[in-house]
Amino acid sequence: MKIFRNILAVIFGALIGGIVNMAIITISGEVVALPEGINPEDMNSLKENIHLFRPINYLMPFLAHAFGTLVGAVVAGMIAVSHKRYFSLAVGVLFLMGGIMMAMELDAPLWFDILDIGGAYIPMGYLGYLMAIKLGGPASVEKPDVLDI
């Protein structure tokens, strides 16, 4: 039963994190105006018009990736019965793989790819684990060791 719940932790973490990611992407045009004619939900529109993006236009995608990963990692860490760190980081790795695929597909600037891949996935997965331990309350048996990566 523990294995089943731990597997569900990653599935639900990835699902909820993906929903958060898409919700942020969906509202991104209302928060930071995109160049005219770009639909952030349409990959062809992004590919054809990425050259029109200014640095501010990369804020919302980064936040979507970071917060989606963070929320997913927290959910996984809270649901997992044991080895919460590994299951939270597993969500971070899943999102990292998606981020690498997006970096290969879109011709975003190198600075954004480095920031996004380096800062939005594994660090947020680990932070999500720490938050899950804190939110887990006294019933949580794991004690986070920040230096134990």
N, C-alpha and C. Protein backbone atom coordinates (compact mmCIF):
# COMPACT_ATOMS: atom_id res chain seq x y z
N MET A 1 0.81 -1.20 0.00
CA MET A 1 0.00 0.00 0.00
C MET A 1 0.86 1.26 0.00
N LYS A 2 2.02 1.22 0.67
CA LYS A 2 2.90 2.38 0.70
C LYS A 2 3.40 2.71 -0.70
N ILE A 3 3.76 1.68 -1.45
CA ILE A 3 4.27 1.90 -2.81
C ILE A 3 3.20 2.56 -3.66
N PHE A 4 1.98 2.08 -3.56
CA PHE A 4 0.88 2.64 -4.34
C PHE A 4 0.67 4.12 -4.00
N ARG A 5 0.70 4.45 -2.73
CA ARG A 5 0.51 5.84 -2.32
C ARG A 5 1.68 6.71 -2.77
N ASN A 6 2.89 6.19 -2.72
CA ASN A 6 4.05 6.95 -3.17
C ASN A 6 4.00 7.20 -4.68
N ILE A 7 3.55 6.22 -5.44
CA ILE A 7 3.39 6.41 -6.89
C ILE A 7 2.32 7.46 -7.16
N LEU A 8 1.22 7.36 -6.43
CA LEU A 8 0.15 8.36 -6.58
C LEU A 8 0.64 9.76 -6.21
N ALA A 9 1.57 9.84 -5.26
CA ALA A 9 2.11 11.14 -4.86
C ALA A 9 2.76 11.83 -6.06
N VAL A 10 3.54 11.10 -6.82
CA VAL A 10 4.20 11.69 -7.99
C VAL A 10 3.17 12.02 -9.07
N ILE A 11 2.23 11.13 -9.29
CA ILE A 11 1.20 11.38 -10.32
C ILE A 11 0.38 12.61 -9.97
N PHE A 12 -0.12 12.68 -8.74
CA PHE A 12 -0.92 13.83 -8.33
C PHE A 12 -0.07 15.11 -8.29
N GLY A 13 1.17 14.99 -7.83
CA GLY A 13 2.05 16.15 -7.81
C GLY A 13 2.27 16.71 -9.20
N ALA A 14 2.54 15.83 -10.16
CA ALA A 14 2.75 16.28 -11.54
C ALA A 14 1.46 16.86 -12.13
N LEU A 15 0.33 16.23 -11.83
CA LEU A 15 -0.95 16.71 -12.35
C LEU A 15 -1.30 18.09 -11.80
N ILE A 16 -1.23 18.24 -10.49
CA ILE A 16 -1.57 19.52 -9.87
C ILE A 16 -0.56 20.59 -10.28
N GLY A 17 0.72 20.24 -10.31
CA GLY A 17 1.74 21.18 -10.76
C GLY A 17 1.52 21.62 -12.21
N GLY A 18 1.11 20.68 -13.05
CA GLY A 18 0.81 21.02 -14.45
C GLY A 18 -0.38 21.96 -14.57
N ILE A 19 -1.37 21.76 -13.72
CA ILE A 19 -2.53 22.65 -13.73
C ILE A 19 -2.12 24.06 -13.31
N VAL A 20 -1.29 24.16 -12.28
CA VAL A 20 -0.81 25.47 -11.84
C VAL A 20 0.00 26.13 -12.95
N ASN A 21 0.87 25.36 -13.58
CA ASN A 21 1.69 25.87 -14.68
C ASN A 21 0.80 26.44 -15.79
N MET A 22 -0.18 25.66 -16.24
CA MET A 22 -1.04 26.11 -17.34
C MET A 22 -1.92 27.29 -16.93
N ALA A 23 -2.35 27.33 -15.67
CA ALA A 23 -3.16 28.46 -15.21
C ALA A 23 -2.35 29.76 -15.29
N ILE A 24 -1.10 29.69 -14.88
CA ILE A 24 -0.25 30.88 -14.94
C ILE A 24 0.02 31.28 -16.39
N ILE A 25 0.29 30.30 -17.24
CA ILE A 25 0.51 30.60 -18.66
C ILE A 25 -0.75 31.22 -19.28
N THR A 26 -1.92 30.70 -18.90
CA THR A 26 -3.17 31.21 -19.45
C THR A 26 -3.41 32.67 -19.10
N ILE A 27 -3.07 33.08 -17.88
CA ILE A 27 -3.30 34.47 -17.49
C ILE A 27 -2.10 35.36 -17.77
N SER A 28 -1.02 34.79 -18.28
CA SER A 28 0.22 35.56 -18.44
C SER A 28 0.06 36.79 -19.32
N GLY A 29 -0.74 36.69 -20.38
CA GLY A 29 -0.93 37.83 -21.27
C GLY A 29 -1.65 38.98 -20.61
N GLU A 30 -2.43 38.70 -19.58
CA GLU A 30 -3.14 39.76 -18.86
C GLU A 30 -2.24 40.44 -17.83
N VAL A 31 -1.23 39.71 -17.34
CA VAL A 31 -0.32 40.26 -16.33
C VAL A 31 0.82 41.03 -17.00
N VAL A 32 1.43 40.42 -17.99
CA VAL A 32 2.50 41.06 -18.76
C VAL A 32 2.07 41.00 -20.22
N ALA A 33 1.83 42.15 -20.81
CA ALA A 33 1.34 42.20 -22.19
C ALA A 33 2.33 41.54 -23.14
N LEU A 34 1.79 40.64 -23.96
CA LEU A 34 2.61 39.98 -24.97
C LEU A 34 2.62 40.83 -26.24
N PRO A 35 3.65 40.65 -27.06
CA PRO A 35 3.62 41.34 -28.35
C PRO A 35 2.35 40.96 -29.13
N GLU A 36 1.90 41.86 -29.96
CA GLU A 36 0.65 41.71 -30.70
C GLU A 36 0.62 40.39 -31.48
N GLY A 37 -0.51 39.69 -31.35
CA GLY A 37 -0.75 38.49 -32.15
C GLY A 37 -0.18 37.20 -31.61
N ILE A 38 0.36 37.19 -30.41
CA ILE A 38 0.94 35.97 -29.85
C ILE A 38 -0.06 35.31 -28.91
N ASN A 39 -0.27 34.02 -29.13
CA ASN A 39 -1.11 33.22 -28.26
C ASN A 39 -0.19 32.32 -27.44
N PRO A 40 -0.07 32.54 -26.12
CA PRO A 40 0.87 31.75 -25.32
C PRO A 40 0.51 30.27 -25.21
N GLU A 41 -0.71 29.92 -25.57
CA GLU A 41 -1.14 28.52 -25.51
C GLU A 41 -0.93 27.79 -26.83
N ASP A 42 -0.49 28.51 -27.87
CA ASP A 42 -0.28 27.93 -29.20
C ASP A 42 1.21 27.86 -29.50
N MET A 43 1.75 26.64 -29.61
CA MET A 43 3.18 26.45 -29.81
C MET A 43 3.65 27.08 -31.12
N ASN A 44 2.86 26.99 -32.18
CA ASN A 44 3.26 27.60 -33.46
C ASN A 44 3.35 29.11 -33.35
N SER A 45 2.41 29.71 -32.64
CA SER A 45 2.44 31.15 -32.43
C SER A 45 3.70 31.56 -31.67
N LEU A 46 4.05 30.78 -30.66
CA LEU A 46 5.26 31.08 -29.89
C LEU A 46 6.51 30.93 -30.75
N LYS A 47 6.59 29.84 -31.50
CA LYS A 47 7.77 29.58 -32.33
C LYS A 47 7.99 30.70 -33.35
N GLU A 48 6.90 31.12 -33.98
CA GLU A 48 7.00 32.12 -35.04
C GLU A 48 7.29 33.53 -34.51
N ASN A 49 6.94 33.80 -33.27
CA ASN A 49 7.02 35.17 -32.76
C ASN A 49 7.94 35.33 -31.55
N ILE A 50 8.70 34.32 -31.20
CA ILE A 50 9.56 34.41 -30.02
C ILE A 50 10.57 35.54 -30.14
N HIS A 51 10.93 35.88 -31.37
CA HIS A 51 11.90 36.96 -31.58
C HIS A 51 11.33 38.33 -31.16
N LEU A 52 10.02 38.43 -30.99
CA LEU A 52 9.40 39.68 -30.58
C LEU A 52 9.38 39.86 -29.06
N PHE A 53 9.70 38.80 -28.33
CA PHE A 53 9.66 38.87 -26.87
C PHE A 53 10.73 39.80 -26.33
N ARG A 54 10.36 40.58 -25.33
CA ARG A 54 11.31 41.38 -24.57
C ARG A 54 11.62 40.60 -23.29
N PRO A 55 12.65 40.98 -22.55
CA PRO A 55 12.97 40.23 -21.32
C PRO A 55 11.80 40.09 -20.36
N ILE A 56 10.95 41.10 -20.22
CA ILE A 56 9.82 41.02 -19.30
C ILE A 56 8.84 39.92 -19.70
N ASN A 57 8.78 39.60 -20.99
CA ASN A 57 7.86 38.57 -21.46
C ASN A 57 8.26 37.17 -21.00
N TYR A 58 9.47 37.02 -20.49
CA TYR A 58 9.91 35.71 -20.00
C TYR A 58 9.61 35.52 -18.51
N LEU A 59 9.12 36.58 -17.86
CA LEU A 59 8.82 36.50 -16.44
C LEU A 59 7.73 35.48 -16.14
N MET A 60 6.62 35.56 -16.82
CA MET A 60 5.50 34.68 -16.54
C MET A 60 5.80 33.22 -16.87
N PRO A 61 6.47 32.91 -17.99
CA PRO A 61 6.83 31.50 -18.21
C PRO A 61 7.74 30.97 -17.10
N PHE A 62 8.69 31.77 -16.65
CA PHE A 62 9.56 31.32 -15.56
C PHE A 62 8.75 31.07 -14.30
N LEU A 63 7.87 32.00 -13.95
CA LEU A 63 7.04 31.83 -12.76
C LEU A 63 6.12 30.62 -12.89
N ALA A 64 5.59 30.39 -14.09
CA ALA A 64 4.74 29.21 -14.31
C ALA A 64 5.52 27.93 -14.07
N HIS A 65 6.73 27.88 -14.60
CA HIS A 65 7.56 26.68 -14.43
C HIS A 65 7.96 26.50 -12.97
N ALA A 66 8.38 27.58 -12.33
CA ALA A 66 8.84 27.49 -10.94
C ALA A 66 7.69 27.17 -9.99
N PHE A 67 6.57 27.89 -10.08
CA PHE A 67 5.46 27.65 -9.16
C PHE A 67 4.75 26.33 -9.44
N GLY A 68 4.65 25.95 -10.72
CA GLY A 68 4.07 24.65 -11.04
C GLY A 68 4.88 23.52 -10.42
N THR A 69 6.20 23.62 -10.55
CA THR A 69 7.08 22.61 -9.95
C THR A 69 6.98 22.64 -8.43
N LEU A 70 7.00 23.83 -7.85
CA LEU A 70 6.93 23.96 -6.40
C LEU A 70 5.65 23.34 -5.84
N VAL A 71 4.52 23.71 -6.41
CA VAL A 71 3.24 23.18 -5.92
C VAL A 71 3.19 21.67 -6.12
N GLY A 72 3.64 21.19 -7.28
CA GLY A 72 3.65 19.76 -7.52
C GLY A 72 4.53 19.01 -6.54
N ALA A 73 5.68 19.58 -6.22
CA ALA A 73 6.60 18.95 -5.27
C ALA A 73 6.02 18.95 -3.86
N VAL A 74 5.35 20.02 -3.47
CA VAL A 74 4.70 20.06 -2.16
C VAL A 74 3.62 18.99 -2.08
N VAL A 75 2.80 18.89 -3.11
CA VAL A 75 1.73 17.89 -3.13
C VAL A 75 2.33 16.49 -3.03
N ALA A 76 3.35 16.21 -3.82
CA ALA A 76 3.98 14.89 -3.78
C ALA A 76 4.58 14.60 -2.41
N GLY A 77 5.24 15.59 -1.84
CA GLY A 77 5.84 15.40 -0.52
C GLY A 77 4.82 15.19 0.57
N MET A 78 3.66 15.80 0.45
CA MET A 78 2.64 15.64 1.47
C MET A 78 1.90 14.32 1.33
N ILE A 79 1.76 13.83 0.12
CA ILE A 79 1.05 12.57 -0.09
C ILE A 79 1.95 11.37 0.18
N ALA A 80 3.23 11.48 -0.17
CA ALA A 80 4.14 10.34 -0.03
C ALA A 80 4.22 9.86 1.41
N VAL A 81 4.28 8.55 1.57
CA VAL A 81 4.34 7.95 2.90
C VAL A 81 5.77 7.95 3.43
N SER A 82 6.72 7.72 2.55
CA SER A 82 8.13 7.66 2.94
C SER A 82 8.97 8.28 1.83
N HIS A 83 10.21 8.57 2.15
CA HIS A 83 11.14 9.12 1.15
C HIS A 83 10.55 10.34 0.44
N LYS A 84 9.96 11.22 1.20
CA LYS A 84 9.28 12.39 0.66
C LYS A 84 10.19 13.22 -0.23
N ARG A 85 11.45 13.32 0.15
CA ARG A 85 12.40 14.11 -0.64
C ARG A 85 12.50 13.56 -2.06
N TYR A 86 12.60 12.26 -2.18
CA TYR A 86 12.77 11.66 -3.50
C TYR A 86 11.54 11.84 -4.37
N PHE A 87 10.38 11.77 -3.77
CA PHE A 87 9.16 11.92 -4.56
C PHE A 87 8.92 13.38 -4.93
N SER A 88 9.28 14.30 -4.05
CA SER A 88 9.21 15.72 -4.40
C SER A 88 10.20 16.03 -5.52
N LEU A 89 11.40 15.51 -5.39
CA LEU A 89 12.41 15.74 -6.44
C LEU A 89 12.04 15.03 -7.74
N ALA A 90 11.32 13.92 -7.65
CA ALA A 90 10.87 13.24 -8.87
C ALA A 90 9.95 14.16 -9.68
N VAL A 91 9.09 14.90 -8.98
CA VAL A 91 8.25 15.87 -9.68
C VAL A 91 9.12 16.94 -10.32
N GLY A 92 10.14 17.40 -9.60
CA GLY A 92 11.07 18.37 -10.16
C GLY A 92 11.76 17.84 -11.40
N VAL A 93 12.14 16.58 -11.40
CA VAL A 93 12.80 15.98 -12.56
C VAL A 93 11.84 15.86 -13.73
N LEU A 94 10.58 15.48 -13.47
CA LEU A 94 9.59 15.42 -14.55
C LEU A 94 9.41 16.79 -15.20
N PHE A 95 9.29 17.82 -14.37
CA PHE A 95 9.14 19.17 -14.91
C PHE A 95 10.42 19.62 -15.62
N LEU A 96 11.57 19.21 -15.10
CA LEU A 96 12.85 19.53 -15.75
C LEU A 96 12.90 18.93 -17.15
N MET A 97 12.46 17.70 -17.30
CA MET A 97 12.45 17.08 -18.63
C MET A 97 11.55 17.86 -19.59
N GLY A 98 10.40 18.30 -19.09
CA GLY A 98 9.53 19.14 -19.92
C GLY A 98 10.18 20.47 -20.26
N GLY A 99 10.89 21.06 -19.31
CA GLY A 99 11.59 22.32 -19.56
C GLY A 99 12.69 22.17 -20.58
N ILE A 100 13.41 21.07 -20.53
CA ILE A 100 14.46 20.83 -21.52
C ILE A 100 13.85 20.64 -22.90
N MET A 101 12.72 19.93 -22.97
CA MET A 101 12.05 19.76 -24.26
C MET A 101 11.59 21.10 -24.82
N MET A 102 11.07 21.97 -23.95
CA MET A 102 10.63 23.29 -24.42
C MET A 102 11.83 24.12 -24.87
N ALA A 103 12.93 24.03 -24.15
CA ALA A 103 14.13 24.79 -24.53
C ALA A 103 14.64 24.34 -25.90
N MET A 104 14.51 23.06 -26.19
CA MET A 104 14.95 22.55 -27.49
C MET A 104 13.97 22.95 -28.59
N GLU A 105 12.70 23.06 -28.25
CA GLU A 105 11.68 23.37 -29.25
C GLU A 105 11.60 24.86 -29.58
N LEU A 106 11.68 25.71 -28.55
CA LEU A 106 11.60 27.16 -28.76
C LEU A 106 13.00 27.75 -28.84
N ASP A 107 13.12 28.79 -29.59
CA ASP A 107 14.41 29.46 -29.76
C ASP A 107 14.50 30.66 -28.81
N ALA A 108 14.32 30.38 -27.51
CA ALA A 108 14.41 31.43 -26.50
C ALA A 108 15.88 31.80 -26.30
N PRO A 109 16.14 32.97 -25.75
CA PRO A 109 17.54 33.36 -25.50
C PRO A 109 18.22 32.40 -24.53
N LEU A 110 19.52 32.26 -24.69
CA LEU A 110 20.29 31.34 -23.86
C LEU A 110 20.18 31.70 -22.38
N TRP A 111 20.18 33.00 -22.04
CA TRP A 111 20.11 33.41 -20.65
C TRP A 111 18.83 32.88 -20.00
N PHE A 112 17.71 32.88 -20.76
CA PHE A 112 16.46 32.39 -20.21
C PHE A 112 16.51 30.87 -20.02
N ASP A 113 17.04 30.17 -21.01
CA ASP A 113 17.15 28.71 -20.90
C ASP A 113 17.98 28.32 -19.69
N ILE A 114 19.08 29.01 -19.46
CA ILE A 114 19.95 28.70 -18.31
C ILE A 114 19.22 29.00 -17.00
N LEU A 115 18.59 30.16 -16.93
CA LEU A 115 17.83 30.53 -15.72
C LEU A 115 16.70 29.56 -15.46
N ASP A 116 15.95 29.25 -16.49
CA ASP A 116 14.78 28.38 -16.35
C ASP A 116 15.18 26.96 -15.96
N ILE A 117 16.10 26.38 -16.70
CA ILE A 117 16.51 25.00 -16.43
C ILE A 117 17.25 24.90 -15.10
N GLY A 118 18.05 25.90 -14.79
CA GLY A 118 18.83 25.86 -13.55
C GLY A 118 18.07 26.25 -12.31
N GLY A 119 17.02 27.07 -12.44
CA GLY A 119 16.37 27.60 -11.25
C GLY A 119 14.93 27.23 -11.03
N ALA A 120 14.25 26.73 -12.05
CA ALA A 120 12.82 26.52 -11.92
C ALA A 120 12.41 25.10 -11.56
N TYR A 121 13.31 24.16 -11.59
CA TYR A 121 12.88 22.77 -11.47
C TYR A 121 13.45 22.06 -10.24
N ILE A 122 14.70 21.71 -10.25
CA ILE A 122 15.28 20.96 -9.13
C ILE A 122 15.29 21.80 -7.85
N PRO A 123 15.71 23.07 -7.90
CA PRO A 123 15.64 23.86 -6.66
C PRO A 123 14.20 23.98 -6.12
N MET A 124 13.23 24.13 -7.00
CA MET A 124 11.84 24.23 -6.55
C MET A 124 11.33 22.88 -6.05
N GLY A 125 11.81 21.79 -6.64
CA GLY A 125 11.45 20.47 -6.14
C GLY A 125 11.95 20.27 -4.72
N TYR A 126 13.17 20.71 -4.45
CA TYR A 126 13.73 20.57 -3.11
C TYR A 126 13.03 21.51 -2.12
N LEU A 127 12.77 22.73 -2.55
CA LEU A 127 12.02 23.66 -1.70
C LEU A 127 10.62 23.11 -1.41
N GLY A 128 10.01 22.49 -2.40
CA GLY A 128 8.71 21.86 -2.20
C GLY A 128 8.77 20.75 -1.16
N TYR A 129 9.84 19.98 -1.18
CA TYR A 129 10.04 18.94 -0.16
C TYR A 129 10.12 19.58 1.23
N LEU A 130 10.92 20.64 1.37
CA LEU A 130 11.05 21.30 2.67
C LEU A 130 9.71 21.86 3.14
N MET A 131 8.95 22.42 2.21
CA MET A 131 7.63 22.95 2.57
C MET A 131 6.67 21.84 2.97
N ALA A 132 6.73 20.71 2.27
CA ALA A 132 5.86 19.58 2.59
C ALA A 132 6.15 19.06 3.99
N ILE A 133 7.42 19.04 4.36
CA ILE A 133 7.79 18.59 5.71
C ILE A 133 7.22 19.58 6.74
N LYS A 134 7.37 20.87 6.48
CA LYS A 134 6.84 21.88 7.41
C LYS A 134 5.32 21.81 7.50
N LEU A 135 4.66 21.65 6.35
CA LEU A 135 3.20 21.61 6.33
C LEU A 135 2.65 20.29 6.84
N GLY A 136 3.50 19.26 6.85
CA GLY A 136 3.06 17.94 7.29
C GLY A 136 2.75 17.88 8.76
N GLY A 137 3.22 18.83 9.54
CA GLY A 137 2.92 18.88 10.96
C GLY A 137 3.64 17.81 11.76
N PRO A 138 3.22 17.59 13.00
CA PRO A 138 3.90 16.67 13.89
C PRO A 138 3.86 15.22 13.43
N ALA A 139 2.91 14.85 12.58
CA ALA A 139 2.82 13.47 12.11
C ALA A 139 3.95 13.14 11.13
N SER A 140 4.60 14.15 10.60
CA SER A 140 5.68 13.92 9.65
C SER A 140 6.89 13.36 10.37
N VAL A 141 7.38 12.22 9.91
CA VAL A 141 8.51 11.58 10.58
C VAL A 141 9.84 12.02 9.99
N GLU A 142 9.83 12.63 8.83
CA GLU A 142 11.09 13.06 8.23
C GLU A 142 11.47 14.43 8.75
N LYS A 143 12.72 14.58 9.05
CA LYS A 143 13.26 15.86 9.45
C LYS A 143 14.18 16.35 8.34
N PRO A 144 13.89 17.50 7.76
CA PRO A 144 14.72 17.96 6.65
C PRO A 144 16.12 18.34 7.10
N ASP A 145 17.06 17.93 6.34
CA ASP A 145 18.45 18.33 6.54
C ASP A 145 18.86 19.09 5.30
N VAL A 146 18.90 20.40 5.40
CA VAL A 146 19.14 21.27 4.26
C VAL A 146 20.46 20.92 3.56
N LEU A 147 21.44 20.47 4.31
CA LEU A 147 22.73 20.14 3.70
C LEU A 147 22.74 18.75 3.11
N ASP A 148 21.76 17.95 3.41
CA ASP A 148 21.72 16.57 2.90
C ASP A 148 20.99 16.55 1.56
N ILE A 149 21.72 16.83 0.51
CA ILE A 149 21.12 16.84 -0.82
C ILE A 149 21.40 15.54 -1.45
